[in-house]
N, C-alpha and C. Protein backbone atom coordinates (compact mmCIF):
# COMPACT_ATOMS: atom_id res chain seq x y z
N MET A 1 0.85 -1.19 0.00
CA MET A 1 0.00 0.00 0.00
C MET A 1 0.89 1.24 0.00
N VAL A 2 0.63 2.17 -0.87
CA VAL A 2 1.39 3.42 -0.95
C VAL A 2 0.49 4.55 -0.50
N VAL A 3 0.98 5.36 0.44
CA VAL A 3 0.24 6.53 0.89
C VAL A 3 1.18 7.73 0.88
N PRO A 4 0.67 8.93 0.63
CA PRO A 4 1.50 10.12 0.63
C PRO A 4 2.03 10.41 2.03
N THR A 5 3.19 11.04 2.08
CA THR A 5 3.79 11.44 3.34
C THR A 5 3.84 12.96 3.38
N PRO A 6 2.94 13.61 4.15
CA PRO A 6 2.97 15.07 4.21
C PRO A 6 4.31 15.59 4.73
N ARG A 7 4.58 16.82 4.38
CA ARG A 7 5.86 17.43 4.76
C ARG A 7 6.08 17.40 6.26
N CYS A 8 7.34 17.24 6.64
CA CYS A 8 7.74 17.35 8.04
C CYS A 8 9.17 17.88 8.06
N VAL A 9 9.73 18.08 9.22
CA VAL A 9 11.04 18.69 9.35
C VAL A 9 12.20 17.71 9.13
N ILE A 10 11.98 16.42 9.26
CA ILE A 10 13.06 15.44 9.23
C ILE A 10 13.96 15.55 7.99
N PRO A 11 13.40 15.69 6.77
CA PRO A 11 14.30 15.77 5.62
C PRO A 11 15.24 16.98 5.63
N THR A 12 14.91 18.02 6.41
CA THR A 12 15.77 19.21 6.43
C THR A 12 16.93 19.08 7.40
N LEU A 13 16.89 18.08 8.26
CA LEU A 13 17.95 17.90 9.27
C LEU A 13 19.19 17.28 8.65
N GLY A 14 20.34 17.49 9.27
CA GLY A 14 21.56 16.84 8.82
C GLY A 14 21.51 15.35 9.14
N HIS A 15 22.08 14.54 8.26
CA HIS A 15 22.13 13.09 8.46
C HIS A 15 23.55 12.62 8.17
N ASP A 16 24.20 12.06 9.18
CA ASP A 16 25.59 11.62 9.07
C ASP A 16 26.45 12.76 8.51
N GLU A 17 27.07 12.56 7.34
CA GLU A 17 27.96 13.58 6.80
C GLU A 17 27.22 14.66 6.01
N LEU A 18 25.91 14.51 5.81
CA LEU A 18 25.13 15.50 5.07
C LEU A 18 24.69 16.63 6.00
N PRO A 19 24.94 17.88 5.62
CA PRO A 19 24.55 19.01 6.47
C PRO A 19 23.05 19.27 6.38
N PRO A 20 22.49 20.02 7.36
CA PRO A 20 21.08 20.40 7.28
C PRO A 20 20.82 21.21 6.01
N ASP A 21 19.62 21.08 5.44
CA ASP A 21 19.30 21.82 4.22
C ASP A 21 17.80 22.11 4.16
N PRO A 22 17.36 23.27 4.70
CA PRO A 22 15.94 23.60 4.65
C PRO A 22 15.44 23.81 3.22
N GLY A 23 16.34 24.00 2.27
CA GLY A 23 15.95 24.16 0.88
C GLY A 23 15.32 22.91 0.28
N ILE A 24 15.56 21.75 0.89
CA ILE A 24 14.97 20.51 0.40
C ILE A 24 13.45 20.62 0.42
N MET A 25 12.87 21.06 1.51
CA MET A 25 11.41 21.15 1.60
C MET A 25 10.86 22.26 0.72
N ARG A 26 11.64 23.32 0.50
CA ARG A 26 11.19 24.35 -0.44
C ARG A 26 11.08 23.77 -1.84
N ALA A 27 12.06 22.95 -2.21
CA ALA A 27 12.03 22.32 -3.53
C ALA A 27 10.85 21.36 -3.63
N VAL A 28 10.58 20.59 -2.59
CA VAL A 28 9.45 19.66 -2.60
C VAL A 28 8.14 20.46 -2.73
N ALA A 29 8.00 21.52 -1.97
CA ALA A 29 6.79 22.34 -2.03
C ALA A 29 6.60 22.94 -3.42
N ARG A 30 7.68 23.28 -4.07
CA ARG A 30 7.62 23.90 -5.39
C ARG A 30 7.42 22.89 -6.51
N GLU A 31 8.06 21.72 -6.40
CA GLU A 31 8.14 20.79 -7.52
C GLU A 31 7.33 19.51 -7.41
N HIS A 32 6.92 19.11 -6.20
CA HIS A 32 6.30 17.79 -6.06
C HIS A 32 5.03 17.86 -5.23
N ARG A 33 3.90 17.82 -5.90
CA ARG A 33 2.60 17.80 -5.22
C ARG A 33 1.84 16.58 -5.70
N VAL A 34 1.20 15.90 -4.76
CA VAL A 34 0.44 14.69 -5.09
C VAL A 34 -0.95 14.80 -4.48
N PRO A 35 -1.94 14.13 -5.09
CA PRO A 35 -3.29 14.16 -4.51
C PRO A 35 -3.32 13.36 -3.21
N VAL A 36 -3.85 13.96 -2.15
CA VAL A 36 -3.93 13.30 -0.84
C VAL A 36 -5.40 13.20 -0.45
N PHE A 37 -5.96 12.03 -0.70
CA PHE A 37 -7.35 11.75 -0.35
C PHE A 37 -8.24 12.93 -0.71
N ASP A 38 -9.01 13.45 0.23
CA ASP A 38 -9.91 14.59 -0.03
C ASP A 38 -9.28 15.92 0.35
N LEU A 39 -7.99 15.94 0.60
CA LEU A 39 -7.32 17.16 1.05
C LEU A 39 -6.78 18.01 -0.09
N GLY A 40 -6.82 17.50 -1.31
CA GLY A 40 -6.28 18.24 -2.44
C GLY A 40 -4.86 17.82 -2.76
N TRP A 41 -4.17 18.67 -3.51
CA TRP A 41 -2.78 18.40 -3.92
C TRP A 41 -1.83 18.98 -2.87
N LEU A 42 -1.04 18.12 -2.22
CA LEU A 42 -0.13 18.55 -1.16
C LEU A 42 1.31 18.17 -1.49
N SER A 43 2.23 18.91 -0.90
CA SER A 43 3.65 18.60 -1.04
C SER A 43 3.98 17.42 -0.14
N CYS A 44 4.53 16.36 -0.71
CA CYS A 44 4.82 15.16 0.07
C CYS A 44 6.20 14.63 -0.26
N LEU A 45 6.86 14.09 0.74
CA LEU A 45 8.17 13.49 0.58
C LEU A 45 8.36 12.46 1.68
N GLY A 46 8.81 11.29 1.32
CA GLY A 46 9.10 10.30 2.34
C GLY A 46 8.78 8.90 1.87
N ALA A 47 9.13 7.96 2.70
CA ALA A 47 8.86 6.55 2.40
C ALA A 47 8.72 5.79 3.70
N TYR A 48 7.75 4.91 3.75
CA TYR A 48 7.62 3.97 4.85
C TYR A 48 8.05 2.62 4.30
N LEU A 49 8.73 1.84 5.10
CA LEU A 49 9.21 0.56 4.58
C LEU A 49 9.31 -0.47 5.67
N ASP A 50 9.40 -1.70 5.24
CA ASP A 50 9.67 -2.82 6.13
C ASP A 50 11.06 -3.32 5.83
N VAL A 51 11.89 -3.47 6.86
CA VAL A 51 13.23 -4.00 6.68
C VAL A 51 13.13 -5.52 6.62
N ILE A 52 13.53 -6.08 5.49
CA ILE A 52 13.46 -7.53 5.29
C ILE A 52 14.78 -8.18 5.64
N GLU A 53 15.87 -7.46 5.37
CA GLU A 53 17.20 -7.99 5.63
C GLU A 53 18.10 -6.84 6.07
N ALA A 54 18.81 -7.00 7.17
CA ALA A 54 19.71 -5.95 7.66
C ALA A 54 20.85 -5.74 6.69
N GLY A 55 21.31 -4.51 6.59
CA GLY A 55 22.44 -4.21 5.71
C GLY A 55 22.53 -2.73 5.45
N THR A 56 23.41 -2.34 4.57
CA THR A 56 23.63 -0.95 4.21
C THR A 56 23.00 -0.67 2.86
N VAL A 57 22.26 0.44 2.76
CA VAL A 57 21.68 0.88 1.50
C VAL A 57 22.61 1.92 0.91
N ARG A 58 22.96 1.75 -0.35
CA ARG A 58 23.88 2.67 -1.01
C ARG A 58 23.23 3.28 -2.25
N VAL A 59 23.71 4.43 -2.65
CA VAL A 59 23.25 5.06 -3.89
C VAL A 59 23.46 4.07 -5.02
N GLY A 60 22.42 3.88 -5.82
CA GLY A 60 22.49 2.96 -6.93
C GLY A 60 21.93 1.58 -6.64
N ASP A 61 21.65 1.27 -5.36
CA ASP A 61 21.06 -0.02 -5.02
C ASP A 61 19.66 -0.12 -5.62
N THR A 62 19.26 -1.31 -5.98
CA THR A 62 17.94 -1.57 -6.53
C THR A 62 16.92 -1.70 -5.39
N ILE A 63 15.75 -1.10 -5.59
CA ILE A 63 14.66 -1.25 -4.62
C ILE A 63 13.46 -1.84 -5.34
N THR A 64 12.55 -2.44 -4.59
CA THR A 64 11.34 -3.01 -5.14
C THR A 64 10.15 -2.38 -4.44
N LEU A 65 9.23 -1.81 -5.22
CA LEU A 65 8.01 -1.24 -4.66
C LEU A 65 6.92 -2.29 -4.75
N CYS A 66 6.19 -2.46 -3.66
CA CYS A 66 5.11 -3.45 -3.64
C CYS A 66 3.77 -2.77 -3.71
């Protein structure tokens, strides 16, 4: 099941070696809007997932959407 993830502050925070970047949410608000039930078109970013196997995810790794 795929559901939209409304904006929150987490993507703007620094993660490991990546510095904080509030511009990320500005870009999402400007460029990415999706229909959210009866609420209209909202800016959404995020993913919910189930970890099937422990390990490290790297840029370029293949993912499967169910």
